[in-house]
Amino acid sequence: MQSLALAKVGYDAAVKFAPGHYWSHYLAGSIALDLQDYAEAAEHFGNAILDDPDRPQVFLGLAIAAYFAGD
């Protein structure tokens, strides 16, 4: 769990410094999903979709986050 928290810090920094980069948002969303922060995961996946809508895996991440958030 501690390594996930450390990874989250890194991905959050990547999102801050490269806000329009698909991989920053996708990986930050994946970590948020693992940490069960579904609202944050959905936000990151939504931003990743805006950056690159041709990647189907991010839609799956968004669907999973929405499901667990009760949306």
PDB file of N, CA and C in Angstrom:
ATOM      1  N   MET A   1       0.827  -1.193   0.000  1.00  0.00           N
ATOM      2  CA  MET A   1       0.000   0.000   0.000  1.00  0.00           C
ATOM      3  C   MET A   1       0.875   1.262   0.000  1.00  0.00           C
ATOM      4  N   GLN A   2       2.003   1.181   0.684  1.00  0.00           N
ATOM      5  CA  GLN A   2       2.883   2.335   0.747  1.00  0.00           C
ATOM      6  C   GLN A   2       3.474   2.647  -0.624  1.00  0.00           C
ATOM      7  N   SER A   3       3.764   1.610  -1.406  1.00  0.00           N
ATOM      8  CA  SER A   3       4.311   1.849  -2.735  1.00  0.00           C
ATOM      9  C   SER A   3       3.261   2.477  -3.651  1.00  0.00           C
ATOM     10  N   LEU A   4       1.979   2.132  -3.457  1.00  0.00           N
ATOM     11  CA  LEU A   4       0.918   2.777  -4.236  1.00  0.00           C
ATOM     12  C   LEU A   4       0.813   4.256  -3.889  1.00  0.00           C
ATOM     13  N   ALA A   5       0.928   4.573  -2.626  1.00  0.00           N
ATOM     14  CA  ALA A   5       0.869   5.976  -2.208  1.00  0.00           C
ATOM     15  C   ALA A   5       2.039   6.758  -2.793  1.00  0.00           C
ATOM     16  N   LEU A   6       3.200   6.143  -2.825  1.00  0.00           N
ATOM     17  CA  LEU A   6       4.363   6.801  -3.402  1.00  0.00           C
ATOM     18  C   LEU A   6       4.192   6.984  -4.916  1.00  0.00           C
ATOM     19  N   ALA A   7       3.650   5.976  -5.578  1.00  0.00           N
ATOM     20  CA  ALA A   7       3.393   6.087  -7.020  1.00  0.00           C
ATOM     21  C   ALA A   7       2.374   7.189  -7.290  1.00  0.00           C
ATOM     22  N   LYS A   8       1.367   7.301  -6.422  1.00  0.00           N
ATOM     23  CA  LYS A   8       0.346   8.343  -6.586  1.00  0.00           C
ATOM     24  C   LYS A   8       0.973   9.727  -6.547  1.00  0.00           C
ATOM     25  N   VAL A   9       1.913   9.931  -5.640  1.00  0.00           N
ATOM     26  CA  VAL A   9       2.595  11.223  -5.551  1.00  0.00           C
ATOM     27  C   VAL A   9       3.303  11.529  -6.874  1.00  0.00           C
ATOM     28  N   GLY A  10       3.967  10.537  -7.429  1.00  0.00           N
ATOM     29  CA  GLY A  10       4.668  10.726  -8.700  1.00  0.00           C
ATOM     30  C   GLY A  10       3.726  11.020  -9.847  1.00  0.00           C
ATOM     31  N   TYR A  11       2.639  10.268  -9.943  1.00  0.00           N
ATOM     32  CA  TYR A  11       1.688  10.500 -11.036  1.00  0.00           C
ATOM     33  C   TYR A  11       0.947  11.816 -10.877  1.00  0.00           C
ATOM     34  N   ASP A  12       0.645  12.197  -9.633  1.00  0.00           N
ATOM     35  CA  ASP A  12       0.017  13.506  -9.418  1.00  0.00           C
ATOM     36  C   ASP A  12       0.949  14.636  -9.863  1.00  0.00           C
ATOM     37  N   ALA A  13       2.238  14.469  -9.603  1.00  0.00           N
ATOM     38  CA  ALA A  13       3.205  15.471 -10.072  1.00  0.00           C
ATOM     39  C   ALA A  13       3.258  15.495 -11.595  1.00  0.00           C
ATOM     40  N   ALA A  14       3.204  14.323 -12.215  1.00  0.00           N
ATOM     41  CA  ALA A  14       3.217  14.259 -13.681  1.00  0.00           C
ATOM     42  C   ALA A  14       1.995  14.950 -14.268  1.00  0.00           C
ATOM     43  N   VAL A  15       0.839  14.762 -13.651  1.00  0.00           N
ATOM     44  CA  VAL A  15      -0.388  15.425 -14.124  1.00  0.00           C
ATOM     45  C   VAL A  15      -0.259  16.939 -13.964  1.00  0.00           C
ATOM     46  N   LYS A  16       0.326  17.352 -12.856  1.00  0.00           N
ATOM     47  CA  LYS A  16       0.481  18.789 -12.604  1.00  0.00           C
ATOM     48  C   LYS A  16       1.392  19.438 -13.644  1.00  0.00           C
ATOM     49  N   PHE A  17       2.480  18.766 -13.979  1.00  0.00           N
ATOM     50  CA  PHE A  17       3.457  19.361 -14.883  1.00  0.00           C
ATOM     51  C   PHE A  17       3.203  19.052 -16.350  1.00  0.00           C
ATOM     52  N   ALA A  18       2.361  18.073 -16.642  1.00  0.00           N
ATOM     53  CA  ALA A  18       2.008  17.738 -18.029  1.00  0.00           C
ATOM     54  C   ALA A  18       0.510  17.437 -18.086  1.00  0.00           C
ATOM     55  N   PRO A  19      -0.329  18.460 -17.887  1.00  0.00           N
ATOM     56  CA  PRO A  19      -1.770  18.224 -17.756  1.00  0.00           C
ATOM     57  C   PRO A  19      -2.447  17.685 -19.011  1.00  0.00           C
ATOM     58  N   GLY A  20      -1.864  17.862 -20.170  1.00  0.00           N
ATOM     59  CA  GLY A  20      -2.483  17.372 -21.397  1.00  0.00           C
ATOM     60  C   GLY A  20      -1.865  16.093 -21.910  1.00  0.00           C
ATOM     61  N   HIS A  21      -1.220  15.341 -21.037  1.00  0.00           N
ATOM     62  CA  HIS A  21      -0.535  14.120 -21.443  1.00  0.00           C
ATOM     63  C   HIS A  21      -1.371  12.906 -21.055  1.00  0.00           C
ATOM     64  N   TYR A  22      -1.751  12.124 -22.049  1.00  0.00           N
ATOM     65  CA  TYR A  22      -2.623  10.967 -21.841  1.00  0.00           C
ATOM     66  C   TYR A  22      -2.109  10.040 -20.742  1.00  0.00           C
ATOM     67  N   TRP A  23      -0.839   9.631 -20.834  1.00  0.00           N
ATOM     68  CA  TRP A  23      -0.314   8.632 -19.910  1.00  0.00           C
ATOM     69  C   TRP A  23      -0.301   9.123 -18.467  1.00  0.00           C
ATOM     70  N   SER A  24      -0.079  10.397 -18.263  1.00  0.00           N
ATOM     71  CA  SER A  24      -0.107  10.930 -16.896  1.00  0.00           C
ATOM     72  C   SER A  24      -1.472  10.709 -16.264  1.00  0.00           C
ATOM     73  N   HIS A  25      -2.517  11.048 -16.999  1.00  0.00           N
ATOM     74  CA  HIS A  25      -3.875  10.888 -16.480  1.00  0.00           C
ATOM     75  C   HIS A  25      -4.272   9.420 -16.367  1.00  0.00           C
ATOM     76  N   TYR A  26      -3.916   8.633 -17.359  1.00  0.00           N
ATOM     77  CA  TYR A  26      -4.293   7.216 -17.338  1.00  0.00           C
ATOM     78  C   TYR A  26      -3.662   6.508 -16.135  1.00  0.00           C
ATOM     79  N   LEU A  27      -2.381   6.725 -15.922  1.00  0.00           N
ATOM     80  CA  LEU A  27      -1.708   6.049 -14.817  1.00  0.00           C
ATOM     81  C   LEU A  27      -2.141   6.602 -13.462  1.00  0.00           C
ATOM     82  N   ALA A  28      -2.399   7.904 -13.382  1.00  0.00           N
ATOM     83  CA  ALA A  28      -2.933   8.474 -12.139  1.00  0.00           C
ATOM     84  C   ALA A  28      -4.315   7.903 -11.842  1.00  0.00           C
ATOM     85  N   GLY A  29      -5.115   7.713 -12.874  1.00  0.00           N
ATOM     86  CA  GLY A  29      -6.433   7.097 -12.699  1.00  0.00           C
ATOM     87  C   GLY A  29      -6.328   5.650 -12.252  1.00  0.00           C
ATOM     88  N   SER A  30      -5.379   4.937 -12.797  1.00  0.00           N
ATOM     89  CA  SER A  30      -5.184   3.536 -12.416  1.00  0.00           C
ATOM     90  C   SER A  30      -4.776   3.419 -10.952  1.00  0.00           C
ATOM     91  N   ILE A  31      -3.896   4.289 -10.514  1.00  0.00           N
ATOM     92  CA  ILE A  31      -3.479   4.280  -9.103  1.00  0.00           C
ATOM     93  C   ILE A  31      -4.651   4.657  -8.201  1.00  0.00           C
ATOM     94  N   ALA A  32      -5.412   5.672  -8.588  1.00  0.00           N
ATOM     95  CA  ALA A  32      -6.572   6.077  -7.791  1.00  0.00           C
ATOM     96  C   ALA A  32      -7.580   4.928  -7.692  1.00  0.00           C
ATOM     97  N   LEU A  33      -7.735   4.170  -8.766  1.00  0.00           N
ATOM     98  CA  LEU A  33      -8.619   3.005  -8.760  1.00  0.00           C
ATOM     99  C   LEU A  33      -8.110   1.969  -7.765  1.00  0.00           C
ATOM    100  N   ASP A  34      -6.818   1.700  -7.791  1.00  0.00           N
ATOM    101  CA  ASP A  34      -6.234   0.744  -6.852  1.00  0.00           C
ATOM    102  C   ASP A  34      -6.390   1.194  -5.400  1.00  0.00           C
ATOM    103  N   LEU A  35      -6.366   2.507  -5.183  1.00  0.00           N
ATOM    104  CA  LEU A  35      -6.525   3.061  -3.834  1.00  0.00           C
ATOM    105  C   LEU A  35      -7.994   3.268  -3.457  1.00  0.00           C
ATOM    106  N   GLN A  36      -8.896   2.850  -4.336  1.00  0.00           N
ATOM    107  CA  GLN A  36     -10.344   2.933  -4.147  1.00  0.00           C
ATOM    108  C   GLN A  36     -10.854   4.364  -4.006  1.00  0.00           C
ATOM    109  N   ASP A  37     -10.186   5.300  -4.666  1.00  0.00           N
ATOM    110  CA  ASP A  37     -10.649   6.685  -4.753  1.00  0.00           C
ATOM    111  C   ASP A  37     -11.307   6.822  -6.128  1.00  0.00           C
ATOM    112  N   TYR A  38     -12.548   6.386  -6.205  1.00  0.00           N
ATOM    113  CA  TYR A  38     -13.227   6.236  -7.491  1.00  0.00           C
ATOM    114  C   TYR A  38     -13.555   7.566  -8.151  1.00  0.00           C
ATOM    115  N   ALA A  39     -13.873   8.575  -7.371  1.00  0.00           N
ATOM    116  CA  ALA A  39     -14.163   9.888  -7.955  1.00  0.00           C
ATOM    117  C   ALA A  39     -12.911  10.471  -8.614  1.00  0.00           C
ATOM    118  N   GLU A  40     -11.776  10.358  -7.942  1.00  0.00           N
ATOM    119  CA  GLU A  40     -10.525  10.857  -8.524  1.00  0.00           C
ATOM    120  C   GLU A  40     -10.143  10.049  -9.751  1.00  0.00           C
ATOM    121  N   ALA A  41     -10.333   8.732  -9.681  1.00  0.00           N
ATOM    122  CA  ALA A  41     -10.024   7.878 -10.830  1.00  0.00           C
ATOM    123  C   ALA A  41     -10.860   8.285 -12.034  1.00  0.00           C
ATOM    124  N   ALA A  42     -12.148   8.510 -11.820  1.00  0.00           N
ATOM    125  CA  ALA A  42     -13.030   8.908 -12.917  1.00  0.00           C
ATOM    126  C   ALA A  42     -12.594  10.240 -13.527  1.00  0.00           C
ATOM    127  N   GLU A  43     -12.169  11.160 -12.691  1.00  0.00           N
ATOM    128  CA  GLU A  43     -11.708  12.457 -13.191  1.00  0.00           C
ATOM    129  C   GLU A  43     -10.459  12.292 -14.063  1.00  0.00           C
ATOM    130  N   HIS A  44      -9.516  11.501 -13.607  1.00  0.00           N
ATOM    131  CA  HIS A  44      -8.300  11.279 -14.395  1.00  0.00           C
ATOM    132  C   HIS A  44      -8.611  10.547 -15.702  1.00  0.00           C
ATOM    133  N   PHE A  45      -9.457   9.527 -15.632  1.00  0.00           N
ATOM    134  CA  PHE A  45      -9.799   8.800 -16.851  1.00  0.00           C
ATOM    135  C   PHE A  45     -10.544   9.701 -17.833  1.00  0.00           C
ATOM    136  N   GLY A  46     -11.409  10.554 -17.314  1.00  0.00           N
ATOM    137  CA  GLY A  46     -12.105  11.504 -18.192  1.00  0.00           C
ATOM    138  C   GLY A  46     -11.147  12.440 -18.894  1.00  0.00           C
ATOM    139  N   ASN A  47     -10.152  12.919 -18.170  1.00  0.00           N
ATOM    140  CA  ASN A  47      -9.140  13.785 -18.782  1.00  0.00           C
ATOM    141  C   ASN A  47      -8.297  13.026 -19.797  1.00  0.00           C
ATOM    142  N   ALA A  48      -8.006  11.760 -19.511  1.00  0.00           N
ATOM    143  CA  ALA A  48      -7.245  10.951 -20.468  1.00  0.00           C
ATOM    144  C   ALA A  48      -8.046  10.756 -21.756  1.00  0.00           C
ATOM    145  N   ILE A  49      -9.352  10.580 -21.632  1.00  0.00           N
ATOM    146  CA  ILE A  49     -10.209  10.439 -22.811  1.00  0.00           C
ATOM    147  C   ILE A  49     -10.164  11.709 -23.646  1.00  0.00           C
ATOM    148  N   LEU A  50     -10.201  12.851 -22.984  1.00  0.00           N
ATOM    149  CA  LEU A  50     -10.127  14.117 -23.719  1.00  0.00           C
ATOM    150  C   LEU A  50      -8.791  14.253 -24.440  1.00  0.00           C
ATOM    151  N   ASP A  51      -7.723  13.745 -23.835  1.00  0.00           N
ATOM    152  CA  ASP A  51      -6.397  13.833 -24.448  1.00  0.00           C
ATOM    153  C   ASP A  51      -6.237  12.882 -25.625  1.00  0.00           C
ATOM    154  N   ASP A  52      -6.799  11.669 -25.517  1.00  0.00           N
ATOM    155  CA  ASP A  52      -6.650  10.675 -26.587  1.00  0.00           C
ATOM    156  C   ASP A  52      -7.856   9.740 -26.581  1.00  0.00           C
ATOM    157  N   PRO A  53      -8.921  10.110 -27.297  1.00  0.00           N
ATOM    158  CA  PRO A  53     -10.153   9.317 -27.263  1.00  0.00           C
ATOM    159  C   PRO A  53     -10.078   8.002 -28.048  1.00  0.00           C
ATOM    160  N   ASP A  54      -8.952   7.705 -28.666  1.00  0.00           N
ATOM    161  CA  ASP A  54      -8.834   6.487 -29.469  1.00  0.00           C
ATOM    162  C   ASP A  54      -8.244   5.311 -28.703  1.00  0.00           C
ATOM    163  N   ARG A  55      -8.171   5.401 -27.398  1.00  0.00           N
ATOM    164  CA  ARG A  55      -7.607   4.311 -26.593  1.00  0.00           C
ATOM    165  C   ARG A  55      -8.721   3.679 -25.750  1.00  0.00           C
ATOM    166  N   PRO A  56      -9.140   2.487 -26.107  1.00  0.00           N
ATOM    167  CA  PRO A  56     -10.299   1.877 -25.434  1.00  0.00           C
ATOM    168  C   PRO A  56     -10.068   1.534 -23.964  1.00  0.00           C
ATOM    169  N   GLN A  57      -8.822   1.291 -23.550  1.00  0.00           N
ATOM    170  CA  GLN A  57      -8.589   0.890 -22.168  1.00  0.00           C
ATOM    171  C   GLN A  57      -8.986   1.974 -21.175  1.00  0.00           C
ATOM    172  N   VAL A  58      -8.916   3.219 -21.580  1.00  0.00           N
ATOM    173  CA  VAL A  58      -9.285   4.293 -20.662  1.00  0.00           C
ATOM    174  C   VAL A  58     -10.799   4.354 -20.458  1.00  0.00           C
ATOM    175  N   PHE A  59     -11.562   3.953 -21.459  1.00  0.00           N
ATOM    176  CA  PHE A  59     -13.011   3.886 -21.297  1.00  0.00           C
ATOM    177  C   PHE A  59     -13.383   2.788 -20.297  1.00  0.00           C
ATOM    178  N   LEU A  60     -12.643   1.694 -20.328  1.00  0.00           N
ATOM    179  CA  LEU A  60     -12.860   0.630 -19.354  1.00  0.00           C
ATOM    180  C   LEU A  60     -12.557   1.127 -17.946  1.00  0.00           C
ATOM    181  N   GLY A  61     -11.460   1.853 -17.789  1.00  0.00           N
ATOM    182  CA  GLY A  61     -11.126   2.418 -16.482  1.00  0.00           C
ATOM    183  C   GLY A  61     -12.210   3.352 -15.976  1.00  0.00           C
ATOM    184  N   LEU A  62     -12.729   4.187 -16.861  1.00  0.00           N
ATOM    185  CA  LEU A  62     -13.803   5.111 -16.481  1.00  0.00           C
ATOM    186  C   LEU A  62     -15.063   4.345 -16.083  1.00  0.00           C
ATOM    187  N   ALA A  63     -15.390   3.298 -16.827  1.00  0.00           N
ATOM    188  CA  ALA A  63     -16.577   2.495 -16.507  1.00  0.00           C
ATOM    189  C   ALA A  63     -16.421   1.813 -15.146  1.00  0.00           C
ATOM    190  N   ILE A  64     -15.247   1.283 -14.862  1.00  0.00           N
ATOM    191  CA  ILE A  64     -15.010   0.642 -13.572  1.00  0.00           C
ATOM    192  C   ILE A  64     -15.117   1.643 -12.435  1.00  0.00           C
ATOM    193  N   ALA A  65     -14.500   2.805 -12.592  1.00  0.00           N
ATOM    194  CA  ALA A  65     -14.567   3.837 -11.561  1.00  0.00           C
ATOM    195  C   ALA A  65     -16.004   4.282 -11.333  1.00  0.00           C
ATOM    196  N   ALA A  66     -16.750   4.491 -12.414  1.00  0.00           N
ATOM    197  CA  ALA A  66     -18.148   4.910 -12.279  1.00  0.00           C
ATOM    198  C   ALA A  66     -18.988   3.838 -11.583  1.00  0.00           C
ATOM    199  N   TYR A  67     -18.742   2.593 -11.921  1.00  0.00           N
ATOM    200  CA  TYR A  67     -19.501   1.492 -11.312  1.00  0.00           C
ATOM    201  C   TYR A  67     -19.281   1.466  -9.797  1.00  0.00           C
ATOM    202  N   PHE A  68     -18.015   1.498  -9.377  1.00  0.00           N
ATOM    203  CA  PHE A  68     -17.718   1.430  -7.956  1.00  0.00           C
ATOM    204  C   PHE A  68     -18.112   2.700  -7.212  1.00  0.00           C
ATOM    205  N   ALA A  69     -18.184   3.825  -7.911  1.00  0.00           N
ATOM    206  CA  ALA A  69     -18.639   5.066  -7.285  1.00  0.00           C
ATOM    207  C   ALA A  69     -20.156   5.131  -7.179  1.00  0.00           C
ATOM    208  N   GLY A  70     -20.827   4.217  -7.863  1.00  0.00           N
ATOM    209  CA  GLY A  70     -22.289   4.191  -7.833  1.00  0.00           C
ATOM    210  C   GLY A  70     -22.919   5.095  -8.855  1.00  0.00           C
ATOM    211  N   ASP A  71     -22.164   5.522  -9.858  1.00  0.00           N
ATOM    212  CA  ASP A  71     -22.704   6.396 -10.902  1.00  0.00           C
ATOM    213  C   ASP A  71     -23.282   5.578 -12.042  1.00  0.00           C
TER     214      ASP A  71
END
